[in-house]
Protein backbone atom coordinates (compact mmCIF):
# COMPACT_ATOMS: atom_id res chain seq x y z
CA MET A 1 -67.01 30.57 -23.00
CA LYS A 2 -65.97 34.13 -23.60
CA ARG A 3 -62.74 34.69 -25.48
CA ARG A 4 -61.03 36.53 -22.59
CA ASP A 5 -61.98 33.73 -20.15
CA PHE A 6 -60.50 31.16 -22.50
CA ILE A 7 -57.26 33.14 -22.77
CA ALA A 8 -57.06 33.49 -18.99
CA LEU A 9 -57.61 29.76 -18.55
CA LEU A 10 -54.98 28.96 -21.16
CA GLY A 11 -52.53 31.32 -19.52
CA GLY A 12 -53.08 29.71 -16.15
CA ALA A 13 -52.53 26.23 -17.53
CA THR A 14 -49.32 27.36 -19.16
CA ALA A 15 -48.03 29.13 -16.06
CA PHE A 16 -48.60 26.21 -13.71
CA PRO A 17 -45.82 23.89 -14.93
CA LEU A 18 -43.47 26.86 -15.12
CA ALA A 19 -44.21 27.68 -11.51
CA ALA A 20 -43.76 24.03 -10.55
CA ARG A 21 -40.37 23.94 -12.23
CA ALA A 22 -39.37 27.09 -10.39
CA GLN A 23 -39.89 25.46 -7.00
CA PRO A 24 -36.59 25.13 -5.07
CA GLU A 25 -35.06 21.70 -4.57
CA ARG A 26 -35.79 19.95 -1.30
CA LEU A 27 -33.06 20.74 1.18
CA ARG A 28 -31.42 17.57 2.48
CA ARG A 29 -29.83 17.77 5.93
CA ILE A 30 -26.42 16.28 6.76
CA GLY A 31 -25.36 16.10 10.40
CA VAL A 32 -21.57 16.14 10.71
CA LEU A 33 -19.93 15.20 14.01
CA MET A 34 -16.24 16.09 13.93
CA VAL A 35 -14.27 14.84 16.92
CA TRP A 36 -11.73 17.61 16.37
CA PRO A 37 -11.53 21.24 17.52
CA GLU A 38 -12.77 23.68 14.88
CA SER A 39 -9.47 25.58 15.06
CA ASP A 40 -7.42 22.53 14.07
CA PRO A 41 -5.94 22.93 10.54
CA GLU A 42 -6.17 19.16 9.98
CA ALA A 43 -9.88 19.25 10.78
CA GLN A 44 -10.49 22.22 8.49
CA ALA A 45 -8.74 20.42 5.64
CA GLN A 46 -10.94 17.38 6.24
CA ILE A 47 -14.26 19.22 6.23
CA ALA A 48 -13.20 21.19 3.15
CA ALA A 49 -12.40 17.93 1.34
CA PHE A 50 -15.82 16.52 2.27
CA GLN A 51 -17.55 19.65 0.98
CA ASP A 52 -15.51 19.54 -2.24
CA GLY A 53 -16.52 15.92 -2.71
CA LEU A 54 -20.19 16.81 -2.31
CA ARG A 55 -19.93 19.71 -4.77
CA SER A 56 -18.35 17.45 -7.38
CA LEU A 57 -21.44 15.22 -7.07
CA GLY A 58 -23.91 18.07 -7.54
CA TRP A 59 -24.68 18.91 -3.90
CA ALA A 60 -24.47 22.61 -3.08
CA GLU A 61 -24.89 23.99 0.41
CA GLY A 62 -27.93 26.24 0.62
CA ARG A 63 -29.37 24.91 -2.65
CA ASN A 64 -30.05 21.22 -2.04
CA ILE A 65 -28.17 20.38 1.18
CA ARG A 66 -27.53 21.87 4.57
CA LEU A 67 -24.54 20.85 6.66
CA ASP A 68 -24.98 21.01 10.42
CA VAL A 69 -21.45 20.62 11.78
CA ARG A 70 -20.50 20.10 15.41
CA TRP A 71 -16.87 20.35 16.44
CA SER A 72 -15.65 18.80 19.66
CA SER A 73 -12.51 17.78 21.45
CA ALA A 74 -11.84 14.16 22.29
CA GLU A 75 -14.06 14.29 25.40
CA VAL A 76 -16.75 11.63 25.40
CA ALA A 77 -19.28 13.73 27.35
CA VAL A 78 -19.00 16.61 24.86
CA ILE A 79 -19.24 14.26 21.89
CA ARG A 80 -22.43 12.71 23.30
CA ARG A 81 -24.01 16.12 23.86
CA PHE A 82 -23.32 17.16 20.27
CA ALA A 83 -24.63 13.84 18.97
CA LYS A 84 -27.94 14.56 20.70
CA ASP A 85 -28.01 18.10 19.31
CA LEU A 86 -27.55 16.81 15.78
CA THR A 87 -30.11 14.03 16.20
CA ASP A 88 -32.70 16.59 17.36
CA LEU A 89 -32.23 18.37 14.01
CA GLN A 90 -33.53 15.23 12.25
CA PRO A 91 -30.82 14.91 9.58
CA ASP A 92 -31.23 12.69 6.51
CA VAL A 93 -27.77 11.22 7.10
CA PHE A 94 -24.83 11.56 9.50
CA LEU A 95 -21.12 11.84 8.82
CA ALA A 96 -19.27 10.62 11.92
CA THR A 97 -15.50 10.87 12.28
CA GLY A 98 -14.12 8.20 14.55
CA THR A 99 -15.46 5.50 16.85
CA PRO A 100 -16.45 7.92 19.68
CA ALA A 101 -18.65 9.88 17.26
CA VAL A 102 -20.32 6.72 15.92
CA ASN A 103 -21.00 5.36 19.40
CA ALA A 104 -22.44 8.69 20.55
CA ILE A 105 -24.86 8.84 17.61
CA LEU A 106 -25.91 5.23 18.17
CA ARG A 107 -26.94 6.19 21.72
CA GLU A 108 -29.46 8.59 20.15
CA THR A 109 -30.72 6.78 17.06
CA ARG A 110 -30.33 3.59 15.05
CA SER A 111 -32.63 4.60 12.22
CA VAL A 112 -30.79 7.55 10.65
CA PRO A 113 -28.06 6.39 8.21
CA ILE A 114 -24.47 6.92 9.36
CA VAL A 115 -21.42 7.26 7.14
CA PHE A 116 -18.28 6.81 9.22
CA THR A 117 -14.62 7.59 8.65
CA GLN A 118 -11.52 7.15 10.83
CA VAL A 119 -12.97 4.02 12.44
CA THR A 120 -10.71 1.10 13.31
CA ASP A 121 -11.99 -2.33 12.23
CA PRO A 122 -15.78 -1.78 12.40
CA VAL A 123 -16.38 -5.55 12.23
CA ALA A 124 -14.28 -6.32 15.32
CA GLN A 125 -15.97 -3.45 17.14
CA GLY A 126 -19.41 -4.84 16.29
CA LEU A 127 -20.48 -1.79 14.29
CA VAL A 128 -21.13 -3.74 11.07
CA LYS A 129 -21.71 -7.41 10.32
CA SER A 130 -19.10 -7.57 7.58
CA LEU A 131 -17.21 -5.21 5.32
CA GLU A 132 -19.01 -6.55 2.25
CA ARG A 133 -22.52 -6.42 3.74
CA PRO A 134 -22.66 -4.00 6.69
CA GLY A 135 -26.24 -5.04 7.39
CA GLY A 136 -27.31 -2.12 9.57
CA SER A 137 -27.72 1.63 9.55
CA MET A 138 -24.10 2.49 8.82
CA THR A 139 -21.23 2.10 6.40
CA GLY A 140 -18.13 4.08 5.51
CA ILE A 141 -14.36 3.88 5.35
CA THR A 142 -12.22 2.11 7.92
CA ILE A 143 -8.84 3.49 8.96
CA PHE A 144 -7.56 0.10 10.03
CA GLU A 145 -4.80 -1.80 8.28
CA PRO A 146 -3.96 -4.79 10.55
CA GLU A 147 -0.20 -4.75 10.11
CA ILE A 148 0.37 -1.03 10.53
CA GLY A 149 1.24 -1.36 14.23
CA GLY A 150 4.20 -3.57 13.40
CA LYS A 151 5.29 -1.13 10.70
CA TRP A 152 5.31 1.71 13.24
CA LEU A 153 7.67 -0.23 15.50
CA GLN A 154 9.90 -1.24 12.58
CA MET A 155 10.20 2.41 11.54
CA LEU A 156 11.06 3.42 15.09
CA LYS A 157 13.88 0.88 15.12
CA GLU A 158 14.98 2.01 11.68
CA VAL A 159 15.30 5.68 12.62
CA ALA A 160 16.59 4.99 16.16
CA PRO A 161 18.56 1.71 15.94
CA THR A 162 19.55 1.76 19.62
CA SER A 163 15.90 1.62 20.74
CA ARG A 164 15.23 -1.31 23.03
CA ARG A 165 11.83 -0.39 24.47
CA ALA A 166 8.80 1.51 23.30
CA VAL A 167 5.61 2.78 24.87
CA VAL A 168 2.36 2.79 22.88
CA ILE A 169 0.33 5.90 23.70
CA PHE A 170 -3.50 5.82 23.50
CA ASN A 171 -6.60 6.85 25.42
CA PRO A 172 -8.78 3.78 26.12
CA ASP A 173 -11.89 6.00 26.24
CA THR A 174 -11.47 7.26 22.68
CA ALA A 175 -9.55 4.24 21.38
CA PRO A 176 -11.40 1.22 22.81
CA TYR A 177 -10.10 -0.65 19.77
CA TYR A 178 -6.45 -0.39 20.90
CA PRO A 179 -6.11 -4.19 21.44
CA LEU A 180 -6.54 -4.63 17.68
CA TYR A 181 -3.20 -2.92 17.07
CA MET A 182 -1.20 -4.71 19.74
CA PRO A 183 -0.68 -8.16 18.11
CA SER A 184 1.25 -6.77 15.15
CA ILE A 185 3.25 -4.46 17.44
CA GLU A 186 4.14 -7.33 19.77
CA ALA A 187 5.05 -9.61 16.86
CA ALA A 188 7.40 -6.95 15.50
CA ALA A 189 8.88 -6.42 18.97
CA ALA A 190 9.77 -10.12 19.23
CA THR A 191 11.53 -9.98 15.85
CA LEU A 192 13.38 -6.78 16.72
CA ASN A 193 14.31 -7.90 20.25
CA MET A 194 12.45 -4.97 21.78
CA LYS A 195 10.05 -4.57 24.69
CA VAL A 196 6.77 -2.74 24.23
CA PHE A 197 4.49 -1.35 26.91
CA GLU A 198 0.95 -0.07 26.76
CA GLY A 199 0.70 3.57 27.79
CA PRO A 200 -2.96 4.43 28.48
CA VAL A 201 -3.51 8.15 29.04
CA HIS A 202 -6.62 10.20 29.83
CA ASN A 203 -5.32 13.74 30.22
CA HIS A 204 -2.30 16.02 29.96
CA ALA A 205 -0.86 14.86 33.28
CA ASP A 206 -0.97 11.22 32.16
CA ILE A 207 0.84 12.04 28.92
CA GLU A 208 3.62 13.88 30.71
CA ALA A 209 4.01 11.21 33.40
CA THR A 210 4.23 8.43 30.80
CA LEU A 211 6.81 10.18 28.64
CA ARG A 212 8.83 11.39 31.61
CA GLY A 213 8.93 7.84 32.96
CA LEU A 214 10.15 6.50 29.62
CA ALA A 215 12.83 9.18 29.42
CA GLY A 216 14.23 7.98 32.73
CA GLN A 217 15.28 4.71 31.07
CA PRO A 218 17.87 4.29 28.31
CA ASP A 219 17.05 3.68 24.63
CA GLY A 220 13.32 4.39 24.80
CA GLY A 221 10.99 5.33 21.98
CA VAL A 222 7.33 6.18 21.45
CA ILE A 223 4.53 4.96 19.22
CA VAL A 224 1.43 7.14 19.15
CA MET A 225 -1.61 5.12 18.18
CA SER A 226 -4.22 6.27 15.69
CA ASP A 227 -6.45 7.81 18.36
CA LEU A 228 -8.49 11.00 18.15
CA PHE A 229 -7.44 11.99 21.67
CA ALA A 230 -3.77 11.85 20.64
CA MET A 231 -4.47 13.73 17.41
CA VAL A 232 -6.29 16.51 19.23
CA HIS A 233 -3.47 16.78 21.78
CA ARG A 234 -0.63 16.29 19.33
CA ASP A 235 1.00 19.66 20.12
CA LEU A 236 1.56 18.58 23.73
CA ILE A 237 2.82 15.13 22.73
CA VAL A 238 5.28 16.55 20.19
CA THR A 239 6.49 19.15 22.71
CA LEU A 240 7.10 16.52 25.40
CA THR A 241 8.87 14.02 23.13
CA ALA A 242 11.20 16.86 22.14
CA ARG A 243 11.72 17.89 25.76
CA TYR A 244 12.57 14.35 26.83
CA HIS A 245 14.61 13.65 23.71
CA LEU A 246 12.48 10.68 22.65
CA PRO A 247 12.18 9.40 19.08
CA ALA A 248 8.54 8.86 18.16
CA VAL A 249 6.46 7.50 15.32
CA TYR A 250 3.05 9.09 14.73
CA PRO A 251 -0.10 8.08 12.79
CA ILE A 252 -0.71 11.25 10.72
CA ARG A 253 1.23 14.00 8.97
CA GLY A 254 -0.03 16.73 11.32
CA PHE A 255 2.30 15.55 14.10
CA VAL A 256 5.34 15.91 11.84
CA THR A 257 4.45 19.34 10.48
CA GLU A 258 4.33 20.49 14.11
CA GLY A 259 7.80 19.12 14.86
CA GLY A 260 7.34 15.36 15.29
CA LEU A 261 9.95 12.97 13.92
CA ILE A 262 8.12 10.63 11.55
CA SER A 263 4.58 9.64 10.65
CA TYR A 264 3.06 6.81 8.68
CA GLY A 265 -0.64 6.42 8.22
CA VAL A 266 -3.81 7.00 6.27
CA ASP A 267 -4.47 10.24 4.39
CA LEU A 268 -7.45 11.47 6.44
CA THR A 269 -8.25 14.35 4.11
CA GLU A 270 -8.66 12.05 1.13
CA MET A 271 -10.78 9.74 3.29
CA GLN A 272 -13.20 12.57 4.02
CA ARG A 273 -13.45 13.36 0.33
CA ARG A 274 -14.36 9.73 -0.39
CA ALA A 275 -17.03 9.86 2.32
CA ALA A 276 -19.01 12.24 0.11
CA ASN A 277 -19.65 9.34 -2.31
CA PHE A 278 -21.40 7.37 0.44
CA VAL A 279 -23.51 10.36 1.48
CA ASP A 280 -24.46 11.00 -2.14
CA ARG A 281 -25.64 7.42 -2.69
CA ILE A 282 -27.63 7.37 0.54
CA LEU A 283 -29.35 10.66 -0.28
CA GLN A 284 -30.30 9.13 -3.60
CA GLY A 285 -31.96 6.17 -1.91
CA ALA A 286 -29.25 3.57 -1.27
CA LYS A 287 -29.29 1.73 2.04
CA PRO A 288 -26.13 1.69 4.20
CA ALA A 289 -26.65 -2.02 4.78
CA ASP A 290 -26.00 -2.64 1.08
CA LEU A 291 -22.95 -0.38 0.65
CA PRO A 292 -19.67 -2.23 1.35
CA VAL A 293 -17.27 -0.66 3.84
CA GLU A 294 -14.17 0.57 2.04
CA LEU A 295 -10.56 0.12 3.10
CA PRO A 296 -7.96 2.89 3.19
CA THR A 297 -6.21 3.36 -0.13
CA GLN A 298 -3.70 6.14 0.45
CA PHE A 299 -0.94 6.03 3.06
CA ALA A 300 1.76 8.63 3.58
CA LEU A 301 5.24 8.47 5.10
CA VAL A 302 6.43 11.88 6.29
CA ILE A 303 9.83 12.60 7.89
CA ASN A 304 11.09 15.72 9.66
CA GLN A 305 14.84 15.95 9.03
CA SER A 306 15.24 18.95 11.32
CA THR A 307 13.80 17.01 14.25
CA ALA A 308 16.04 14.05 13.42
CA ARG A 309 19.11 16.27 13.62
CA THR A 310 17.94 17.72 16.95
CA LEU A 311 17.64 14.17 18.29
CA GLY A 312 21.06 13.25 16.90
CA LEU A 313 19.58 10.71 14.48
CA ASP A 314 20.62 9.94 10.92
CA ILE A 315 17.63 8.94 8.84
CA PRO A 316 18.65 6.00 6.62
CA LEU A 317 18.72 6.78 2.92
CA ALA A 318 16.41 3.85 2.20
CA LEU A 319 13.74 5.40 4.45
CA LEU A 320 14.19 8.86 2.95
CA THR A 321 13.76 7.37 -0.51
CA ARG A 322 10.46 5.78 0.52
CA ALA A 323 9.13 8.99 2.07
CA ASP A 324 6.23 10.81 0.46
CA GLU A 325 7.38 14.03 2.06
CA VAL A 326 10.56 15.20 3.81
CA ILE A 327 10.35 18.34 5.95
CA ASP A 328 13.61 20.17 6.52
């Protein structure tokens, strides 16, 4: 072999592993179905937390992952259309916020792993076999704490002691799990000598009719269930409870920052950040069936003192002391 041929061969052998190492990482695809409008500040905080969680685990958009995000309102037909769009992109894993998003994806595929958040009791809804061993194509973080419904009613009575009746607002299309909340609410009502009524709503007209009807009776109050429809339409709900002078307890902070009276519920932003851990493990080869569903860990009590004064209510000192945040 001639010397120059040997050198060329040696150079080629040396260059090959260098070229191999220079190859870009395989881009993993994450389909994200957000059942929130893109313009919603709460939704933007949630997706930012999820992205931050991924970055902390070594996943960088454009380098080794691609996020395909679809934003929707709480309309089932729109959610289903976006679920199909995302499925057609053949993602490696889904992130689904809320029961409507999970159900829409399941209509399209049962083979692609799903990480869910903001889902009420996935066992009772038949989405997983058990919290410890989900046993299917999905896992994630549940929003459900069984006794929270009773706590909402207790807080309503605490901030508005004259309350004798309360309506529970929810959309049965986006909150098919609403019966899971009712036992603790009804048990609290019996203890507090109050009457509670279910208030199913499907649109703006239903919301106004329900709240206007409650305002026509003395000593009424409102509980807004943890329901994506209610969260998306929280501006209208807060506006109408103010118009009809109704005390109300809400499930997330966003209602109170927009003028609602009081909220108690799960920190959704932190939940989305935790979801990144599930996605990371699945992309590294873990099976959803083997990853236990996690329970909510962070709850927040937020009170709007300005709204309380407008309603002529004095927030008890004991409740103010327990609050994580007081808006004035």
